[in-house]
Amino acid sequence: MEDLEKTCEKCGLEGEYQCPYCNKWYCSRHITPTIDEYTYGHKCEPYIAQKTTMEREKPIPIRPPKRPEIKDMDKELKMLLKYSIILIILMLIILLFFRISRTV
């Protein structure tokens, strides 16, 4: 009678392992509990229930804000310096123009 109980629930061969979730016997090929019945393991309802509960309770990971890279910062600083120099040159030209126009 004990041999009948230790047969694989899926294929009927000798069951060597007992599933820790449903306590049924399975051979080495079918011992792995799975969500669907199309893989080599066995479809185990207690395993599915435990897995879905764990998925629901899993905290959502919080990503830290992305820091700008040094390359991007270098580009921005170069552009800022470039426009600052252009602005200073334009201001000098305008001042020079007003200075010349006063003397004439």
N, C-alpha and C. Protein backbone atom coordinates (compact mmCIF):
# COMPACT_ATOMS: atom_id res chain seq x y z
N MET A 1 0.82 -1.19 0.00
CA MET A 1 0.00 0.00 0.00
C MET A 1 0.87 1.26 0.00
N GLU A 2 1.99 1.19 0.68
CA GLU A 2 2.88 2.35 0.74
C GLU A 2 3.47 2.64 -0.63
N ASP A 3 3.70 1.60 -1.46
CA ASP A 3 4.24 1.81 -2.80
C ASP A 3 3.24 2.54 -3.68
N LEU A 4 1.92 2.29 -3.48
CA LEU A 4 0.91 2.98 -4.28
C LEU A 4 0.89 4.48 -3.96
N GLU A 5 1.12 4.81 -2.71
CA GLU A 5 1.10 6.21 -2.31
C GLU A 5 2.32 6.94 -2.85
N LYS A 6 3.43 6.24 -3.06
CA LYS A 6 4.66 6.90 -3.49
C LYS A 6 4.86 6.82 -5.00
N THR A 7 3.78 6.93 -5.75
CA THR A 7 3.90 7.00 -7.20
C THR A 7 3.73 8.44 -7.63
N CYS A 8 4.40 8.77 -8.71
CA CYS A 8 4.34 10.15 -9.22
C CYS A 8 2.92 10.48 -9.64
N GLU A 9 2.41 11.60 -9.18
CA GLU A 9 1.04 12.02 -9.48
C GLU A 9 0.86 12.38 -10.95
N LYS A 10 1.95 12.72 -11.63
CA LYS A 10 1.84 13.17 -13.02
C LYS A 10 2.06 12.04 -14.03
N CYS A 11 3.08 11.21 -13.79
CA CYS A 11 3.39 10.18 -14.79
C CYS A 11 3.17 8.75 -14.30
N GLY A 12 3.01 8.53 -13.00
CA GLY A 12 2.74 7.20 -12.48
C GLY A 12 3.98 6.38 -12.15
N LEU A 13 5.18 6.90 -12.39
CA LEU A 13 6.40 6.18 -12.02
C LEU A 13 6.61 6.28 -10.52
N GLU A 14 7.68 5.66 -10.04
CA GLU A 14 7.96 5.66 -8.61
C GLU A 14 8.26 7.09 -8.15
N GLY A 15 7.54 7.54 -7.16
CA GLY A 15 7.74 8.89 -6.63
C GLY A 15 8.85 8.90 -5.61
N GLU A 16 9.88 9.67 -5.86
CA GLU A 16 11.03 9.71 -4.95
C GLU A 16 10.97 10.91 -4.02
N TYR A 17 10.25 11.93 -4.42
CA TYR A 17 10.24 13.19 -3.66
C TYR A 17 8.82 13.60 -3.34
N GLN A 18 8.68 14.24 -2.17
CA GLN A 18 7.38 14.75 -1.76
C GLN A 18 7.38 16.26 -1.88
N CYS A 19 6.37 16.82 -2.52
CA CYS A 19 6.28 18.27 -2.70
C CYS A 19 6.04 18.93 -1.34
N PRO A 20 6.84 19.95 -0.99
CA PRO A 20 6.65 20.60 0.31
C PRO A 20 5.39 21.46 0.38
N TYR A 21 4.76 21.74 -0.73
CA TYR A 21 3.57 22.59 -0.75
C TYR A 21 2.28 21.77 -0.68
N CYS A 22 2.17 20.73 -1.53
CA CYS A 22 0.93 19.95 -1.57
C CYS A 22 1.07 18.56 -0.95
N ASN A 23 2.28 18.16 -0.56
CA ASN A 23 2.58 16.87 0.09
C ASN A 23 2.26 15.66 -0.78
N LYS A 24 2.24 15.83 -2.10
CA LYS A 24 2.04 14.69 -3.00
C LYS A 24 3.41 14.21 -3.47
N TRP A 25 3.46 12.96 -3.93
CA TRP A 25 4.72 12.37 -4.37
C TRP A 25 4.92 12.56 -5.87
N TYR A 26 6.18 12.84 -6.25
CA TYR A 26 6.53 13.05 -7.65
C TYR A 26 7.90 12.45 -7.93
N CYS A 27 8.13 12.13 -9.20
CA CYS A 27 9.45 11.63 -9.60
C CYS A 27 10.40 12.83 -9.75
N SER A 28 11.66 12.56 -10.02
CA SER A 28 12.64 13.65 -10.10
C SER A 28 12.36 14.60 -11.27
N ARG A 29 11.64 14.12 -12.28
CA ARG A 29 11.35 14.96 -13.43
C ARG A 29 10.20 15.94 -13.15
N HIS A 30 9.27 15.57 -12.30
CA HIS A 30 8.07 16.38 -12.07
C HIS A 30 8.00 17.01 -10.68
N ILE A 31 9.07 16.97 -9.90
CA ILE A 31 8.99 17.48 -8.52
C ILE A 31 8.88 19.00 -8.45
N THR A 32 9.40 19.71 -9.44
CA THR A 32 9.40 21.17 -9.39
C THR A 32 7.98 21.72 -9.53
N PRO A 33 7.50 22.50 -8.54
CA PRO A 33 6.16 23.08 -8.67
C PRO A 33 6.19 24.23 -9.68
N THR A 34 5.17 24.31 -10.52
CA THR A 34 5.08 25.36 -11.53
C THR A 34 3.69 25.98 -11.51
N ILE A 35 3.56 27.07 -12.25
CA ILE A 35 2.27 27.76 -12.31
C ILE A 35 1.36 27.12 -13.36
N ASP A 36 1.94 26.64 -14.46
CA ASP A 36 1.12 26.01 -15.50
C ASP A 36 1.46 24.53 -15.60
N GLU A 37 0.68 23.81 -16.36
CA GLU A 37 0.89 22.37 -16.48
C GLU A 37 1.61 21.99 -17.77
N TYR A 38 2.14 22.96 -18.50
CA TYR A 38 2.79 22.69 -19.77
C TYR A 38 4.30 22.50 -19.64
N THR A 39 4.85 22.68 -18.46
CA THR A 39 6.28 22.47 -18.26
C THR A 39 6.49 21.10 -17.61
N TYR A 40 7.75 20.76 -17.34
CA TYR A 40 8.06 19.44 -16.78
C TYR A 40 7.58 19.28 -15.35
N GLY A 41 7.46 20.35 -14.60
CA GLY A 41 7.03 20.24 -13.21
C GLY A 41 5.55 19.93 -13.10
N HIS A 42 5.06 20.01 -11.87
CA HIS A 42 3.63 19.77 -11.65
C HIS A 42 2.95 21.07 -11.25
N LYS A 43 1.68 21.21 -11.63
CA LYS A 43 0.91 22.39 -11.27
C LYS A 43 0.48 22.23 -9.83
N CYS A 44 0.94 23.15 -8.99
CA CYS A 44 0.72 23.04 -7.55
C CYS A 44 -0.06 24.26 -7.06
N GLU A 45 -1.31 24.04 -6.68
CA GLU A 45 -2.18 25.14 -6.27
C GLU A 45 -1.68 25.87 -5.01
N PRO A 46 -1.20 25.17 -3.96
CA PRO A 46 -0.67 25.90 -2.80
C PRO A 46 0.56 26.75 -3.16
N TYR A 47 1.38 26.26 -4.07
CA TYR A 47 2.56 27.01 -4.51
C TYR A 47 2.13 28.27 -5.24
N ILE A 48 1.12 28.15 -6.13
CA ILE A 48 0.62 29.30 -6.88
C ILE A 48 0.04 30.34 -5.92
N ALA A 49 -0.73 29.89 -4.93
CA ALA A 49 -1.33 30.82 -3.97
C ALA A 49 -0.25 31.55 -3.17
N GLN A 50 0.78 30.83 -2.74
CA GLN A 50 1.86 31.45 -1.97
C GLN A 50 2.64 32.43 -2.84
N LYS A 51 2.89 32.07 -4.08
CA LYS A 51 3.66 32.94 -4.97
C LYS A 51 2.90 34.22 -5.28
N THR A 52 1.59 34.14 -5.54
CA THR A 52 0.82 35.35 -5.83
C THR A 52 0.72 36.24 -4.59
N THR A 53 0.63 35.64 -3.41
CA THR A 53 0.61 36.44 -2.18
C THR A 53 1.93 37.17 -2.00
N MET A 54 3.04 36.49 -2.28
CA MET A 54 4.35 37.12 -2.14
C MET A 54 4.52 38.23 -3.17
N GLU A 55 3.98 38.06 -4.38
CA GLU A 55 4.08 39.09 -5.42
C GLU A 55 3.30 40.33 -5.02
N ARG A 56 2.14 40.14 -4.40
CA ARG A 56 1.34 41.29 -3.97
C ARG A 56 2.00 42.04 -2.83
N GLU A 57 2.68 41.33 -1.94
CA GLU A 57 3.30 41.95 -0.78
C GLU A 57 4.68 42.52 -1.07
N LYS A 58 5.21 42.28 -2.26
CA LYS A 58 6.54 42.75 -2.60
C LYS A 58 6.52 44.28 -2.70
N PRO A 59 7.43 44.95 -1.99
CA PRO A 59 7.43 46.42 -2.06
C PRO A 59 7.90 46.91 -3.43
N ILE A 60 7.39 48.06 -3.82
CA ILE A 60 7.78 48.66 -5.09
C ILE A 60 9.14 49.32 -4.89
N PRO A 61 10.12 48.96 -5.72
CA PRO A 61 11.45 49.56 -5.54
C PRO A 61 11.43 51.05 -5.89
N ILE A 62 12.12 51.83 -5.08
CA ILE A 62 12.20 53.27 -5.30
C ILE A 62 13.56 53.56 -5.91
N ARG A 63 13.54 54.16 -7.08
CA ARG A 63 14.79 54.48 -7.76
C ARG A 63 15.27 55.86 -7.31
N PRO A 64 16.56 55.97 -7.04
CA PRO A 64 17.07 57.29 -6.69
C PRO A 64 17.07 58.19 -7.93
N PRO A 65 16.98 59.49 -7.74
CA PRO A 65 16.97 60.37 -8.92
C PRO A 65 18.28 60.25 -9.69
N LYS A 66 18.17 60.36 -11.00
CA LYS A 66 19.33 60.19 -11.85
C LYS A 66 20.23 61.43 -11.75
N ARG A 67 21.48 61.19 -11.45
CA ARG A 67 22.45 62.29 -11.36
C ARG A 67 23.00 62.58 -12.75
N PRO A 68 23.22 63.85 -13.06
CA PRO A 68 23.78 64.15 -14.38
C PRO A 68 25.22 63.65 -14.48
N GLU A 69 25.58 63.21 -15.65
CA GLU A 69 26.94 62.71 -15.86
C GLU A 69 27.90 63.88 -16.05
N ILE A 70 29.17 63.63 -15.79
CA ILE A 70 30.19 64.67 -15.89
C ILE A 70 30.29 65.17 -17.32
N LYS A 71 30.13 64.28 -18.29
CA LYS A 71 30.20 64.70 -19.69
C LYS A 71 29.12 65.74 -19.99
N ASP A 72 27.91 65.48 -19.51
CA ASP A 72 26.81 66.42 -19.74
C ASP A 72 27.08 67.75 -19.05
N MET A 73 27.63 67.69 -17.84
CA MET A 73 27.93 68.92 -17.11
C MET A 73 29.01 69.71 -17.82
N ASP A 74 30.01 69.03 -18.36
CA ASP A 74 31.07 69.71 -19.10
C ASP A 74 30.50 70.43 -20.32
N LYS A 75 29.60 69.79 -21.03
CA LYS A 75 28.99 70.41 -22.20
C LYS A 75 28.22 71.67 -21.80
N GLU A 76 27.46 71.57 -20.72
CA GLU A 76 26.68 72.72 -20.27
C GLU A 76 27.58 73.86 -19.84
N LEU A 77 28.67 73.55 -19.13
CA LEU A 77 29.58 74.61 -18.68
C LEU A 77 30.29 75.27 -19.86
N LYS A 78 30.68 74.49 -20.84
CA LYS A 78 31.33 75.05 -22.03
C LYS A 78 30.37 75.97 -22.77
N MET A 79 29.12 75.54 -22.91
CA MET A 79 28.13 76.35 -23.60
C MET A 79 27.86 77.64 -22.83
N LEU A 80 27.77 77.54 -21.50
CA LEU A 80 27.55 78.73 -20.67
C LEU A 80 28.71 79.71 -20.80
N LEU A 81 29.92 79.20 -20.78
CA LEU A 81 31.11 80.05 -20.93
C LEU A 81 31.12 80.72 -22.31
N LYS A 82 30.78 79.97 -23.32
CA LYS A 82 30.76 80.49 -24.69
C LYS A 82 29.77 81.64 -24.81
N TYR A 83 28.55 81.46 -24.32
CA TYR A 83 27.55 82.50 -24.41
C TYR A 83 27.87 83.70 -23.51
N SER A 84 28.51 83.45 -22.41
CA SER A 84 28.93 84.55 -21.54
C SER A 84 29.97 85.43 -22.24
N ILE A 85 30.92 84.80 -22.90
CA ILE A 85 31.95 85.56 -23.63
C ILE A 85 31.31 86.36 -24.77
N ILE A 86 30.39 85.75 -25.49
CA ILE A 86 29.69 86.45 -26.58
C ILE A 86 28.92 87.64 -26.03
N LEU A 87 28.27 87.48 -24.91
CA LEU A 87 27.51 88.57 -24.29
C LEU A 87 28.43 89.70 -23.85
N ILE A 88 29.56 89.38 -23.28
CA ILE A 88 30.52 90.41 -22.85
C ILE A 88 31.05 91.17 -24.07
N ILE A 89 31.37 90.46 -25.13
CA ILE A 89 31.87 91.11 -26.35
C ILE A 89 30.80 92.04 -26.93
N LEU A 90 29.55 91.59 -26.97
CA LEU A 90 28.46 92.44 -27.47
C LEU A 90 28.28 93.69 -26.61
N MET A 91 28.37 93.52 -25.31
CA MET A 91 28.25 94.69 -24.41
C MET A 91 29.38 95.68 -24.65
N LEU A 92 30.58 95.19 -24.87
CA LEU A 92 31.71 96.07 -25.15
C LEU A 92 31.53 96.80 -26.48
N ILE A 93 31.02 96.12 -27.46
CA ILE A 93 30.77 96.75 -28.76
C ILE A 93 29.72 97.84 -28.62
N ILE A 94 28.67 97.56 -27.87
CA ILE A 94 27.62 98.56 -27.66
C ILE A 94 28.17 99.76 -26.91
N LEU A 95 28.95 99.53 -25.86
CA LEU A 95 29.55 100.63 -25.11
C LEU A 95 30.50 101.45 -25.99
N LEU A 96 31.27 100.77 -26.79
CA LEU A 96 32.17 101.44 -27.70
C LEU A 96 31.40 102.28 -28.72
N PHE A 97 30.30 101.74 -29.22
CA PHE A 97 29.47 102.47 -30.18
C PHE A 97 28.93 103.76 -29.56
N PHE A 98 28.44 103.68 -28.32
CA PHE A 98 27.91 104.86 -27.65
C PHE A 98 29.03 105.86 -27.36
N ARG A 99 30.16 105.39 -27.05
CA ARG A 99 31.30 106.27 -26.78
C ARG A 99 31.71 107.03 -28.05
N ILE A 100 31.75 106.31 -29.16
CA ILE A 100 32.14 106.94 -30.43
C ILE A 100 31.03 107.91 -30.86
N SER A 101 29.78 107.55 -30.69
CA SER A 101 28.70 108.41 -31.13
C SER A 101 28.63 109.70 -30.31
N ARG A 102 29.09 109.74 -29.09
CA ARG A 102 29.11 110.93 -28.25
C ARG A 102 30.18 111.92 -28.71
N THR A 103 31.27 111.34 -29.15
CA THR A 103 32.37 112.24 -29.55
C THR A 103 32.13 112.88 -30.90
N VAL A 104 31.30 112.33 -31.70
CA VAL A 104 31.08 112.87 -33.04
C VAL A 104 30.11 113.99 -33.04
